[in-house]
N, C-alpha and C. Protein backbone atom coordinates (compact mmCIF):
# COMPACT_ATOMS: atom_id res chain seq x y z
N MET A 1 1.36 -1.59 0.36
CA MET A 1 0.14 0.02 0.13
C MET A 1 1.23 1.08 -0.58
N THR A 2 0.76 1.66 -1.09
CA THR A 2 0.83 3.33 -1.16
C THR A 2 0.75 4.21 0.75
N PRO A 3 2.15 5.24 1.22
CA PRO A 3 1.52 5.78 1.86
C PRO A 3 0.35 7.31 1.37
N GLN A 4 0.22 7.79 2.28
CA GLN A 4 -1.03 9.11 1.78
C GLN A 4 -0.67 9.83 1.30
N HIS A 5 1.34 9.99 2.36
CA HIS A 5 2.03 11.36 2.00
C HIS A 5 3.13 11.18 0.54
N GLU A 6 2.85 9.92 -1.04
CA GLU A 6 3.34 9.94 -2.18
C GLU A 6 2.11 10.32 -2.85
N HIS A 7 2.51 10.67 -3.87
CA HIS A 7 1.71 10.96 -5.07
C HIS A 7 2.87 11.37 -6.16
N SER A 8 2.16 10.54 -7.30
CA SER A 8 2.89 10.43 -8.48
C SER A 8 2.71 12.36 -9.78
N VAL A 9 4.03 11.94 -9.98
CA VAL A 9 4.81 13.43 -10.72
C VAL A 9 5.00 13.22 -11.88
N ARG A 10 4.81 14.00 -12.60
CA ARG A 10 5.61 13.64 -13.73
C ARG A 10 6.36 15.34 -14.46
N ILE A 11 7.79 15.20 -14.76
CA ILE A 11 7.99 16.13 -15.07
C ILE A 11 8.44 16.81 -15.99
N THR A 12 8.50 17.07 -16.87
CA THR A 12 8.39 17.09 -18.26
C THR A 12 9.43 18.02 -19.43
N LYS A 13 9.36 18.39 -20.27
CA LYS A 13 10.48 19.33 -20.91
C LYS A 13 11.24 19.32 -22.33
N GLY A 14 9.92 20.33 -22.80
CA GLY A 14 9.63 20.05 -24.67
C GLY A 14 8.16 18.72 -24.19
N GLU A 15 9.16 17.73 -25.10
CA GLU A 15 8.39 15.97 -25.52
C GLU A 15 8.34 14.82 -24.09
N LEU A 16 9.68 15.51 -23.39
CA LEU A 16 10.30 14.45 -22.71
C LEU A 16 9.15 14.93 -21.48
N VAL A 17 8.92 13.19 -21.15
CA VAL A 17 7.48 13.53 -19.88
C VAL A 17 8.15 12.30 -19.62
N LEU A 18 9.25 12.63 -17.85
CA LEU A 18 9.81 11.31 -16.64
C LEU A 18 8.39 10.97 -15.44
N GLU A 19 7.80 9.99 -15.56
CA GLU A 19 7.09 9.82 -14.01
C GLU A 19 8.25 8.94 -13.22
N GLY A 20 6.84 9.93 -11.50
CA GLY A 20 7.75 9.95 -10.84
C GLY A 20 7.45 9.95 -9.66
N ILE A 21 7.79 9.94 -8.29
CA ILE A 21 6.95 9.31 -7.67
C ILE A 21 7.57 9.95 -5.83
N LEU A 22 6.37 11.06 -5.69
CA LEU A 22 7.40 12.29 -4.66
C LEU A 22 6.55 11.75 -2.87
N GLY A 23 7.37 11.95 -2.13
CA GLY A 23 6.47 11.91 -0.65
C GLY A 23 7.41 12.64 -0.35
N LEU A 24 6.03 13.11 -0.03
CA LEU A 24 6.10 14.91 1.94
C LEU A 24 6.17 13.93 3.34
N PRO A 25 7.39 14.37 3.70
CA PRO A 25 6.41 14.01 5.08
C PRO A 25 6.08 14.86 6.36
N ALA A 26 5.52 15.08 6.51
CA ALA A 26 5.02 16.80 7.73
C ALA A 26 6.48 17.40 7.84
N GLY A 27 6.44 18.45 6.95
CA GLY A 27 6.90 19.43 7.43
C GLY A 27 8.60 18.98 7.46
N PRO A 28 8.67 18.38 6.01
CA PRO A 28 10.75 17.72 5.44
C PRO A 28 11.26 19.52 5.29
N ARG A 29 12.17 18.57 6.21
CA ARG A 29 13.80 19.49 6.50
C ARG A 29 14.95 19.14 4.58
N GLY A 30 14.30 18.53 4.86
CA GLY A 30 15.36 18.48 3.04
C GLY A 30 14.45 17.42 1.73
N VAL A 31 15.51 16.99 0.44
CA VAL A 31 14.44 16.71 0.01
C VAL A 31 16.01 15.07 -0.66
N VAL A 32 15.16 13.82 -0.94
CA VAL A 32 16.53 13.83 -1.47
C VAL A 32 16.13 13.37 -2.94
N VAL A 33 16.60 13.04 -4.07
CA VAL A 33 16.51 12.45 -5.07
C VAL A 33 17.07 11.18 -5.57
N PHE A 34 16.20 9.69 -5.83
CA PHE A 34 16.81 8.60 -6.58
C PHE A 34 17.31 8.64 -7.86
N ALA A 35 18.46 8.58 -8.19
CA ALA A 35 18.81 7.98 -9.23
C ALA A 35 18.99 6.31 -9.26
N HIS A 36 18.20 5.66 -10.28
CA HIS A 36 18.08 4.73 -9.71
C HIS A 36 19.93 3.44 -10.77
N GLY A 37 19.91 2.66 -10.92
CA GLY A 37 20.45 1.47 -11.09
C GLY A 37 20.27 1.87 -12.63
N SER A 38 21.05 0.74 -13.42
CA SER A 38 20.52 -0.12 -14.68
C SER A 38 19.10 -0.72 -14.72
N GLY A 39 18.37 -0.48 -15.37
CA GLY A 39 17.61 -1.75 -15.16
C GLY A 39 16.36 -1.80 -13.85
N SER A 40 16.68 -0.35 -13.73
CA SER A 40 15.79 0.17 -12.29
C SER A 40 14.63 1.13 -12.62
N GLY A 41 13.76 2.21 -12.01
CA GLY A 41 13.08 2.91 -11.89
C GLY A 41 12.44 3.38 -10.60
N ARG A 42 11.81 3.52 -10.60
CA ARG A 42 10.72 4.67 -8.75
C ARG A 42 10.34 3.20 -8.38
N LEU A 43 10.05 2.45 -9.32
CA LEU A 43 9.42 1.16 -8.54
C LEU A 43 10.38 0.23 -8.18
N SER A 44 11.76 0.67 -8.38
CA SER A 44 12.20 -0.27 -6.79
C SER A 44 12.10 -0.67 -5.55
N PRO A 45 11.53 -1.75 -5.40
CA PRO A 45 12.22 -2.07 -3.74
C PRO A 45 12.97 -1.32 -3.18
N ARG A 46 13.99 -1.26 -3.49
CA ARG A 46 15.57 -1.06 -2.79
C ARG A 46 15.61 0.33 -2.85
N ASN A 47 14.99 0.95 -3.50
CA ASN A 47 15.58 2.19 -3.31
C ASN A 47 13.86 3.13 -2.36
N ASN A 48 12.61 1.57 -2.85
CA ASN A 48 11.25 2.66 -2.08
C ASN A 48 11.59 1.87 -0.85
N PHE A 49 12.14 1.49 -0.27
CA PHE A 49 12.94 0.45 1.58
C PHE A 49 13.61 1.83 2.01
N VAL A 50 14.33 2.83 1.15
CA VAL A 50 15.43 3.06 1.61
C VAL A 50 14.93 4.85 1.52
N ALA A 51 13.75 5.34 0.83
CA ALA A 51 12.94 6.35 0.77
C ALA A 51 12.22 6.67 2.05
N ARG A 52 11.41 5.88 1.73
CA ARG A 52 10.38 5.21 3.36
C ARG A 52 11.11 5.11 4.83
N HIS A 53 12.26 4.50 4.70
CA HIS A 53 13.11 5.40 6.06
C HIS A 53 13.32 6.46 6.33
N LEU A 54 14.04 7.21 4.90
CA LEU A 54 13.73 8.05 4.56
C LEU A 54 12.98 9.52 5.14
N GLN A 55 12.04 9.35 4.40
CA GLN A 55 10.07 10.31 4.58
C GLN A 55 10.77 9.56 6.83
N GLN A 56 10.27 8.62 7.07
CA GLN A 56 10.18 8.79 8.45
C GLN A 56 11.40 9.08 9.28
N ASN A 57 12.34 9.94 8.50
CA ASN A 57 13.34 10.90 9.57
C ASN A 57 13.21 12.30 9.05
N GLY A 58 11.79 12.18 8.46
CA GLY A 58 11.36 13.83 8.35
C GLY A 58 11.82 14.27 6.82
N LEU A 59 12.63 13.44 5.75
CA LEU A 59 13.15 14.22 4.62
C LEU A 59 12.52 13.01 3.97
N ALA A 60 11.96 14.53 2.52
CA ALA A 60 10.83 14.21 1.72
C ALA A 60 11.99 13.27 0.20
N THR A 61 10.74 12.89 -0.56
CA THR A 61 11.96 12.33 -1.44
C THR A 61 11.36 11.89 -3.37
N LEU A 62 12.47 11.48 -3.70
CA LEU A 62 11.12 12.13 -5.32
C LEU A 62 11.90 10.70 -5.64
N LEU A 63 11.10 9.45 -6.73
CA LEU A 63 11.79 9.08 -7.04
C LEU A 63 11.99 8.73 -8.79
N LEU A 64 12.25 8.84 -9.91
CA LEU A 64 12.20 8.72 -10.65
C LEU A 64 12.75 8.02 -11.68
N ASP A 65 11.73 7.92 -12.94
CA ASP A 65 12.16 7.51 -13.90
C ASP A 65 13.26 8.78 -14.62
N LEU A 66 14.64 8.39 -15.00
CA LEU A 66 15.36 8.84 -15.58
C LEU A 66 15.11 8.43 -16.81
N LEU A 67 15.03 7.89 -16.81
CA LEU A 67 14.87 7.30 -18.67
C LEU A 67 13.24 6.65 -19.68
N THR A 68 12.41 7.56 -19.96
CA THR A 68 11.27 6.91 -21.04
C THR A 68 11.68 5.09 -20.91
N LYS A 69 10.03 4.17 -21.37
CA LYS A 69 10.23 3.88 -21.39
C LYS A 69 11.31 3.43 -22.89
N VAL A 70 11.11 3.17 -24.23
CA VAL A 70 11.72 3.94 -24.63
C VAL A 70 13.20 3.43 -24.95
N GLU A 71 13.57 4.88 -24.23
CA GLU A 71 15.54 5.32 -23.40
C GLU A 71 15.59 3.67 -22.94
N ALA A 72 14.68 2.50 -22.06
CA ALA A 72 15.81 1.89 -20.88
C ALA A 72 15.67 1.31 -21.44
N ASP A 73 14.18 0.88 -23.12
CA ASP A 73 14.75 -0.48 -23.46
C ASP A 73 17.33 -0.65 -25.02
N ASP A 74 17.63 0.92 -24.52
CA ASP A 74 18.35 1.25 -24.91
C ASP A 74 19.44 0.52 -24.44
N ARG A 75 20.35 -0.35 -24.12
CA ARG A 75 21.16 0.02 -23.51
C ARG A 75 22.20 0.75 -23.43
N ARG A 76 22.81 1.15 -24.46
CA ARG A 76 23.73 2.75 -24.99
C ARG A 76 22.46 4.37 -23.78
N LYS A 77 21.59 3.80 -23.83
CA LYS A 77 21.51 4.84 -23.28
C LYS A 77 21.11 4.98 -21.00
N VAL A 78 21.42 3.07 -21.06
CA VAL A 78 21.52 3.37 -19.41
C VAL A 78 22.09 2.88 -18.99
N PHE A 79 22.84 3.16 -19.49
CA PHE A 79 25.17 3.85 -18.67
C PHE A 79 25.71 5.08 -19.78
N ASP A 80 24.78 5.75 -20.18
CA ASP A 80 24.52 7.42 -20.77
C ASP A 80 24.59 8.04 -19.60
N ILE A 81 26.31 8.31 -19.21
CA ILE A 81 25.85 8.83 -17.32
C ILE A 81 25.73 10.59 -17.92
N ASP A 82 25.94 11.43 -19.08
CA ASP A 82 25.79 11.94 -19.29
C ASP A 82 24.20 12.53 -19.10
N LEU A 83 23.78 11.84 -19.51
CA LEU A 83 22.10 11.48 -20.13
C LEU A 83 21.90 11.82 -18.77
N LEU A 84 22.30 11.23 -17.35
CA LEU A 84 20.89 10.44 -17.16
C LEU A 84 22.10 11.43 -15.85
N ALA A 85 22.52 12.63 -15.56
CA ALA A 85 23.10 13.75 -15.47
C ALA A 85 22.61 14.37 -15.88
N ASP A 86 21.67 14.97 -16.60
CA ASP A 86 20.90 16.05 -17.41
C ASP A 86 19.22 16.27 -17.05
N ARG A 87 18.92 14.52 -16.26
CA ARG A 87 17.58 14.35 -15.89
C ARG A 87 17.68 14.20 -14.44
N LEU A 88 19.34 14.26 -14.05
CA LEU A 88 18.21 14.82 -12.66
C LEU A 88 18.76 16.00 -12.11
N LEU A 89 19.28 16.90 -13.19
CA LEU A 89 19.16 18.62 -12.84
C LEU A 89 18.11 18.97 -13.76
N LEU A 90 17.31 18.22 -14.16
CA LEU A 90 16.73 18.81 -14.47
C LEU A 90 15.37 17.74 -13.66
N ALA A 91 15.20 16.81 -13.07
CA ALA A 91 14.40 16.96 -11.84
C ALA A 91 14.78 18.05 -10.64
N LYS A 92 16.62 18.68 -10.42
CA LYS A 92 17.13 19.46 -9.47
C LYS A 92 15.80 20.85 -9.31
N GLY A 93 15.87 21.23 -10.94
CA GLY A 93 15.05 22.41 -11.45
C GLY A 93 13.61 22.54 -11.23
N TRP A 94 12.92 21.20 -11.48
CA TRP A 94 11.46 20.95 -10.35
C TRP A 94 11.09 21.14 -9.80
N LEU A 95 12.26 20.77 -8.74
CA LEU A 95 11.70 20.73 -7.25
C LEU A 95 12.55 22.29 -6.59
N GLU A 96 12.92 22.61 -7.24
CA GLU A 96 13.22 24.37 -7.00
C GLU A 96 12.44 25.41 -7.26
N LYS A 97 11.72 24.90 -8.61
CA LYS A 97 9.86 25.44 -8.68
C LYS A 97 8.99 25.00 -8.17
N GLU A 98 8.88 23.58 -7.36
CA GLU A 98 7.49 23.58 -7.03
C GLU A 98 8.05 24.84 -5.44
N SER A 99 6.18 24.23 -5.17
CA SER A 99 5.77 25.03 -4.48
C SER A 99 6.36 24.91 -3.25
N GLN A 100 6.06 23.00 -2.95
CA GLN A 100 6.27 21.85 -1.73
C GLN A 100 7.47 22.07 -1.43
N THR A 101 8.51 22.19 -3.20
CA THR A 101 9.53 21.94 -2.53
C THR A 101 10.87 22.70 -2.68
N GLN A 102 10.12 23.67 -2.73
CA GLN A 102 11.64 24.88 -3.68
C GLN A 102 12.25 25.34 -1.84
N HIS A 103 12.01 25.54 -1.77
CA HIS A 103 12.50 25.77 0.32
C HIS A 103 13.15 24.33 0.42
N LEU A 104 13.01 23.66 0.18
CA LEU A 104 14.36 22.76 0.74
C LEU A 104 14.98 22.49 0.28
N LYS A 105 16.66 22.15 1.26
CA LYS A 105 17.90 21.61 1.20
C LYS A 105 17.91 20.28 0.39
N ILE A 106 18.45 20.19 -0.52
CA ILE A 106 17.99 18.74 -1.59
C ILE A 106 19.73 17.67 -1.67
N GLY A 107 18.91 16.98 -1.51
CA GLY A 107 20.76 15.11 -1.59
C GLY A 107 20.28 15.03 -2.84
N TYR A 108 21.32 14.16 -3.35
CA TYR A 108 20.80 12.60 -4.23
C TYR A 108 21.58 11.08 -3.31
N PHE A 109 21.29 10.32 -3.74
CA PHE A 109 20.90 9.39 -3.47
C PHE A 109 21.13 8.01 -4.93
N GLY A 110 22.10 8.15 -4.52
CA GLY A 110 22.53 6.89 -5.86
C GLY A 110 23.08 5.15 -5.59
N ALA A 111 22.06 5.12 -6.53
CA ALA A 111 22.92 3.44 -7.01
C ALA A 111 23.64 2.86 -8.10
N SER A 112 24.32 2.36 -8.01
CA SER A 112 24.45 1.14 -9.01
C SER A 112 25.48 2.33 -9.71
N THR A 113 24.98 2.38 -11.05
CA THR A 113 25.54 3.69 -12.28
C THR A 113 24.95 4.80 -12.35
N GLY A 114 24.23 4.72 -11.27
CA GLY A 114 23.06 6.22 -10.77
C GLY A 114 24.13 6.91 -9.58
N ALA A 115 24.82 6.00 -9.54
CA ALA A 115 25.98 6.82 -7.72
C ALA A 115 27.10 8.31 -8.94
N GLY A 116 27.08 6.83 -10.50
CA GLY A 116 28.25 8.51 -11.04
C GLY A 116 27.46 9.53 -11.34
N ALA A 117 26.06 9.10 -12.47
CA ALA A 117 24.89 9.89 -12.72
C ALA A 117 24.81 10.53 -11.47
N ALA A 118 24.70 10.07 -9.88
CA ALA A 118 24.22 11.43 -8.89
C ALA A 118 25.51 12.66 -9.04
N LEU A 119 26.75 11.96 -8.96
CA LEU A 119 27.73 12.54 -8.46
C LEU A 119 28.10 13.88 -9.84
N GLN A 120 27.77 13.12 -11.08
CA GLN A 120 28.52 14.30 -12.50
C GLN A 120 27.43 15.26 -11.97
N ALA A 121 26.03 15.04 -11.83
CA ALA A 121 24.84 15.88 -11.63
C ALA A 121 26.16 17.55 -10.41
N ALA A 122 25.86 16.71 -9.36
CA ALA A 122 26.50 17.36 -7.59
C ALA A 122 27.56 18.34 -8.26
N ALA A 123 28.48 18.02 -9.84
CA ALA A 123 29.46 18.81 -9.61
C ALA A 123 29.26 19.58 -10.92
N ARG A 124 27.93 18.95 -11.84
CA ARG A 124 28.59 20.96 -12.47
C ARG A 124 27.25 21.79 -12.37
N GLU A 125 26.63 21.30 -11.50
CA GLU A 125 25.39 22.38 -10.20
C GLU A 125 24.96 22.53 -8.75
N PRO A 126 26.40 22.85 -8.39
CA PRO A 126 27.09 22.11 -6.45
C PRO A 126 25.36 23.23 -6.25
N SER A 127 25.64 23.87 -6.40
CA SER A 127 23.62 25.23 -5.88
C SER A 127 22.83 24.37 -5.15
N ASN A 128 22.48 24.08 -4.16
CA ASN A 128 22.20 23.91 -2.89
C ASN A 128 21.87 21.57 -3.05
N ILE A 129 22.68 21.38 -3.69
CA ILE A 129 23.23 20.24 -3.03
C ILE A 129 23.77 19.54 -1.92
N LYS A 130 23.50 20.00 -1.31
CA LYS A 130 24.00 19.22 0.25
C LYS A 130 24.19 17.99 0.64
N ALA A 131 24.01 17.00 0.33
CA ALA A 131 24.43 15.20 0.74
C ALA A 131 24.19 14.53 -0.77
N VAL A 132 25.57 14.00 -0.96
CA VAL A 132 25.58 12.64 -1.55
C VAL A 132 25.21 11.56 -1.49
N VAL A 133 24.56 10.03 -1.46
CA VAL A 133 25.20 9.09 -1.32
C VAL A 133 24.50 7.96 -2.28
N SER A 134 25.93 6.27 -2.36
CA SER A 134 25.89 6.07 -3.41
C SER A 134 25.63 4.41 -2.05
N ARG A 135 24.59 3.84 -2.42
CA ARG A 135 24.78 2.60 -2.18
C ARG A 135 25.07 1.74 -3.43
N GLY A 136 25.70 0.41 -3.52
CA GLY A 136 27.23 -0.51 -4.70
C GLY A 136 27.27 0.61 -5.86
N GLY A 137 27.21 1.36 -5.33
CA GLY A 137 27.45 2.76 -6.34
C GLY A 137 28.80 1.96 -7.82
N ARG A 138 28.68 3.47 -9.03
CA ARG A 138 29.77 3.53 -9.50
C ARG A 138 30.09 5.02 -9.60
N PRO A 139 30.47 5.42 -8.72
CA PRO A 139 31.14 6.58 -8.55
C PRO A 139 32.19 6.43 -9.28
N ASP A 140 32.56 5.77 -9.92
CA ASP A 140 33.83 5.84 -10.96
C ASP A 140 33.55 5.65 -12.34
N LEU A 141 32.11 5.88 -13.24
CA LEU A 141 31.80 6.62 -13.87
C LEU A 141 32.01 8.26 -14.09
N ALA A 142 32.09 9.14 -13.55
CA ALA A 142 32.27 10.39 -13.03
C ALA A 142 33.16 10.52 -12.73
N GLU A 143 34.14 10.02 -12.92
CA GLU A 143 35.84 10.69 -12.30
C GLU A 143 36.96 11.43 -12.92
N PRO A 144 36.17 12.08 -14.51
CA PRO A 144 36.47 12.87 -14.21
C PRO A 144 35.80 14.27 -13.66
N TYR A 145 34.62 14.44 -13.00
CA TYR A 145 33.98 14.85 -12.41
C TYR A 145 34.49 14.57 -11.20
N LEU A 146 34.86 13.78 -10.08
CA LEU A 146 35.48 13.82 -9.05
C LEU A 146 35.50 14.49 -8.35
N PRO A 147 37.35 15.13 -8.34
CA PRO A 147 37.88 16.79 -7.77
C PRO A 147 36.54 18.09 -7.64
N SER A 148 35.60 18.24 -8.10
CA SER A 148 35.02 19.40 -8.24
C SER A 148 33.49 18.93 -7.18
N VAL A 149 33.63 17.43 -6.66
CA VAL A 149 32.15 17.64 -5.69
C VAL A 149 32.37 19.30 -4.49
N ILE A 150 32.00 18.89 -4.24
CA ILE A 150 31.22 20.04 -2.89
C ILE A 150 30.95 19.45 -1.88
N ALA A 151 30.09 18.24 -2.70
CA ALA A 151 28.84 18.66 -1.36
C ALA A 151 29.33 17.19 -0.99
N PRO A 152 28.55 17.10 1.01
CA PRO A 152 29.14 16.01 1.38
C PRO A 152 28.73 14.90 0.71
N THR A 153 29.72 13.22 0.03
CA THR A 153 29.86 12.13 -0.23
C THR A 153 29.96 11.44 1.07
N LEU A 154 29.32 10.29 0.97
CA LEU A 154 29.28 8.94 1.58
C LEU A 154 29.04 7.87 0.41
N LEU A 155 29.71 7.21 0.57
CA LEU A 155 29.88 6.02 -0.24
C LEU A 155 29.40 4.71 0.59
N ILE A 156 28.34 4.04 0.12
CA ILE A 156 28.09 2.74 1.36
C ILE A 156 28.36 1.26 0.15
N VAL A 157 28.56 0.66 -0.28
CA VAL A 157 29.72 -0.53 -0.50
C VAL A 157 29.94 -2.11 0.42
N GLY A 158 29.55 -3.21 -0.38
CA GLY A 158 28.74 -4.96 0.27
C GLY A 158 30.43 -5.30 0.79
N GLY A 159 31.00 -5.66 1.75
CA GLY A 159 32.22 -6.64 1.80
C GLY A 159 31.70 -7.22 0.65
N HIS A 160 31.09 -7.88 1.01
CA HIS A 160 31.22 -9.83 -0.46
C HIS A 160 30.97 -8.48 -1.90
N ASP A 161 31.22 -7.39 -2.18
CA ASP A 161 30.96 -7.03 -3.04
C ASP A 161 32.51 -6.45 -4.02
N GLU A 162 33.74 -6.82 -4.15
CA GLU A 162 35.05 -6.75 -4.12
C GLU A 162 35.29 -5.96 -5.17
N PRO A 163 34.30 -6.36 -6.48
CA PRO A 163 34.81 -5.43 -8.25
C PRO A 163 35.26 -4.04 -7.72
N VAL A 164 33.69 -4.05 -7.32
CA VAL A 164 33.02 -2.55 -6.91
C VAL A 164 33.36 -1.63 -5.97
N ILE A 165 34.28 -2.65 -4.42
CA ILE A 165 35.09 -2.04 -3.37
C ILE A 165 36.41 -1.56 -3.53
N GLU A 166 36.94 -1.63 -4.73
CA GLU A 166 38.07 -1.55 -5.56
C GLU A 166 37.25 0.05 -6.19
N MET A 167 36.84 -0.32 -7.56
CA MET A 167 36.42 1.38 -7.73
C MET A 167 35.59 2.07 -6.91
N ASN A 168 35.04 2.33 -5.81
CA ASN A 168 34.12 3.21 -5.05
C ASN A 168 36.46 2.93 -4.08
N GLN A 169 37.55 2.53 -3.88
CA GLN A 169 38.38 3.48 -2.78
C GLN A 169 39.37 3.72 -3.99
N ALA A 170 39.12 3.55 -5.37
CA ALA A 170 40.02 4.87 -6.24
C ALA A 170 38.69 6.20 -6.36
N ALA A 171 37.78 5.92 -6.66
CA ALA A 171 36.81 6.76 -6.69
C ALA A 171 37.54 8.25 -5.81
N TYR A 172 36.88 7.75 -4.18
CA TYR A 172 37.27 7.56 -3.28
C TYR A 172 38.45 8.87 -3.09
N GLU A 173 39.44 8.77 -2.89
CA GLU A 173 41.42 8.91 -2.85
C GLU A 173 40.43 10.40 -4.59
N LEU A 174 39.42 10.10 -4.64
CA LEU A 174 39.77 11.53 -5.80
C LEU A 174 38.71 12.63 -5.51
N LEU A 175 37.58 11.81 -4.89
CA LEU A 175 36.58 13.40 -3.97
C LEU A 175 37.60 14.10 -3.25
N THR A 176 37.49 15.34 -3.35
CA THR A 176 38.03 16.83 -2.20
C THR A 176 37.81 16.70 -1.21
N CYS A 177 35.90 16.22 -1.74
CA CYS A 177 35.16 17.28 -0.34
C CYS A 177 35.28 16.70 0.64
N GLU A 178 33.90 16.78 1.80
CA GLU A 178 34.36 15.93 2.90
C GLU A 178 33.12 14.32 2.83
N LYS A 179 33.79 13.44 3.40
CA LYS A 179 33.27 12.39 2.75
C LYS A 179 32.88 10.97 3.73
N LYS A 180 33.16 10.57 3.25
CA LYS A 180 33.54 8.59 4.07
C LYS A 180 33.16 7.93 3.39
N MET A 181 33.23 6.65 4.26
CA MET A 181 33.22 4.90 3.10
C MET A 181 32.83 4.43 3.75
N ILE A 182 31.88 3.47 4.22
CA ILE A 182 31.21 3.06 5.05
C ILE A 182 31.41 1.11 4.06
N ILE A 183 31.59 -0.26 4.83
CA ILE A 183 31.78 -0.87 3.97
C ILE A 183 31.36 -2.46 4.22
N VAL A 184 30.03 -2.47 4.64
CA VAL A 184 28.63 -3.80 5.22
C VAL A 184 28.97 -4.44 5.09
N PRO A 185 29.78 -5.09 6.05
CA PRO A 185 30.18 -6.37 6.36
C PRO A 185 29.11 -7.68 6.12
N GLY A 186 29.43 -9.16 4.44
CA GLY A 186 28.97 -9.82 4.75
C GLY A 186 27.87 -9.37 3.40
N ALA A 187 27.87 -8.18 2.77
CA ALA A 187 26.66 -7.60 1.52
C ALA A 187 27.08 -8.16 0.41
N THR A 188 26.20 -8.55 -0.17
CA THR A 188 26.62 -8.58 -1.85
C THR A 188 26.67 -7.15 -2.74
N HIS A 189 26.66 -6.95 -3.31
CA HIS A 189 26.59 -6.15 -4.86
C HIS A 189 24.88 -5.46 -4.63
N LEU A 190 23.52 -6.12 -5.04
CA LEU A 190 22.16 -6.33 -4.34
C LEU A 190 21.78 -5.58 -2.07
N PHE A 191 22.72 -5.87 -1.78
CA PHE A 191 22.24 -5.79 -0.23
C PHE A 191 21.80 -6.96 -0.63
N GLU A 192 21.11 -8.22 -0.57
CA GLU A 192 19.73 -9.11 -0.48
C GLU A 192 20.20 -9.44 0.62
N GLU A 193 21.61 -9.85 1.47
CA GLU A 193 20.94 -10.54 2.77
C GLU A 193 20.17 -9.84 3.01
N PRO A 194 20.29 -10.98 4.70
CA PRO A 194 18.75 -10.35 5.78
C PRO A 194 20.10 -9.57 6.85
N GLY A 195 19.05 -7.59 6.66
CA GLY A 195 19.25 -7.00 7.70
C GLY A 195 20.48 -5.69 7.00
N THR A 196 21.20 -6.93 5.87
CA THR A 196 21.76 -5.01 5.31
C THR A 196 21.61 -4.29 4.35
N LEU A 197 20.23 -4.38 3.99
CA LEU A 197 19.91 -2.99 3.54
C LEU A 197 18.92 -1.76 4.07
N GLU A 198 19.29 -2.82 5.63
CA GLU A 198 18.23 -1.94 6.40
C GLU A 198 19.39 -1.11 6.98
N GLN A 199 20.89 -1.60 7.04
CA GLN A 199 21.94 -0.80 7.64
C GLN A 199 22.62 0.79 6.52
N VAL A 200 21.98 -0.06 5.34
CA VAL A 200 22.05 1.30 4.03
C VAL A 200 20.92 2.37 4.45
N ALA A 201 19.55 2.13 4.92
CA ALA A 201 19.18 3.09 4.88
C ALA A 201 19.30 3.83 6.69
N GLU A 202 19.91 3.27 7.19
CA GLU A 202 20.63 3.44 7.84
C GLU A 202 21.37 4.51 8.24
N HIS A 203 22.45 4.34 7.19
CA HIS A 203 23.55 4.75 7.24
C HIS A 203 22.93 6.05 6.07
N ALA A 204 22.33 5.37 5.59
CA ALA A 204 21.98 7.03 4.74
C ALA A 204 21.10 7.92 4.87
N GLY A 205 20.37 7.11 6.11
CA GLY A 205 19.49 8.32 6.52
C GLY A 205 20.51 9.25 7.49
N LYS A 206 20.99 8.86 8.56
CA LYS A 206 21.41 10.02 9.44
C LYS A 206 22.86 10.93 7.99
N TRP A 207 23.05 10.13 7.12
CA TRP A 207 24.15 11.78 6.51
C TRP A 207 23.12 12.71 5.75
N PHE A 208 21.92 12.03 5.29
CA PHE A 208 20.98 12.94 5.27
C PHE A 208 20.38 13.88 6.55
N ARG A 209 19.86 13.38 7.00
CA ARG A 209 19.91 14.64 8.30
C ARG A 209 20.54 15.33 8.23
N ARG A 210 22.03 14.86 8.97
CA ARG A 210 22.44 15.51 9.37
C ARG A 210 22.91 16.88 8.37
N TYR A 211 23.09 16.47 6.78
CA TYR A 211 23.56 17.56 5.90
C TYR A 211 22.79 18.48 5.83
N LEU A 212 21.34 18.18 5.43
CA LEU A 212 20.21 18.81 4.76
C LEU A 212 19.54 19.23 6.00
N LYS A 213 19.47 18.23 7.24
CA LYS A 213 18.92 19.40 9.24
C LYS A 213 19.86 19.35 9.44
N GLY A 214 20.93 18.77 9.79
CA GLY A 214 22.28 20.31 10.22
C GLY A 214 21.93 19.63 12.05
N VAL A 215 21.37 18.59 11.97
CA VAL A 215 21.80 17.65 12.66
C VAL A 215 22.75 16.56 12.27
N GLU A 216 22.15 15.78 13.74
CA GLU A 216 23.30 14.46 14.01
C GLU A 216 22.39 13.19 14.10
């Protein structure tokens, strides 16, 4: 069942229409935009799980399909980090004009390839972006942009996700912003093991609460 404070939204630019779900708890202190990984979208059960946790902690959430249905069938677009970052910036502009969210600080939560898009978007247009969290992400896909990211960035990786750990460690070294890397013991890439996704949500919630609300 969909919580009462969630409703469907559409973000448009010309003929482009992106479908999203905006979650608005009472008196939100910030809003987090989700950038999904390849083959995923606004209905991703993992990102919805994290979004509900953030909502319970007083943060608004925007779960968004960064690609249209036609685009999502094109593997080149699925891994087009520049395009995905463009769409995140479109969402950022929408939030900054929407009456319910225009006063809120913004954070990005990126999963898998979406993490690369989130970091690129944060570097390209840093105004009002106060925090970035990556879950099992590919921040290395935003390598040229990493030294320009100024938003505090948290990288969360599964302890059994060896190749992605190495990619995150390399990206971590390139980040010059306030940063932290957390390895969740026993977790694989999708954090399917019992209790591991809960740990992701807890770490993300603490990070966003700290930087979007100004409290620990």
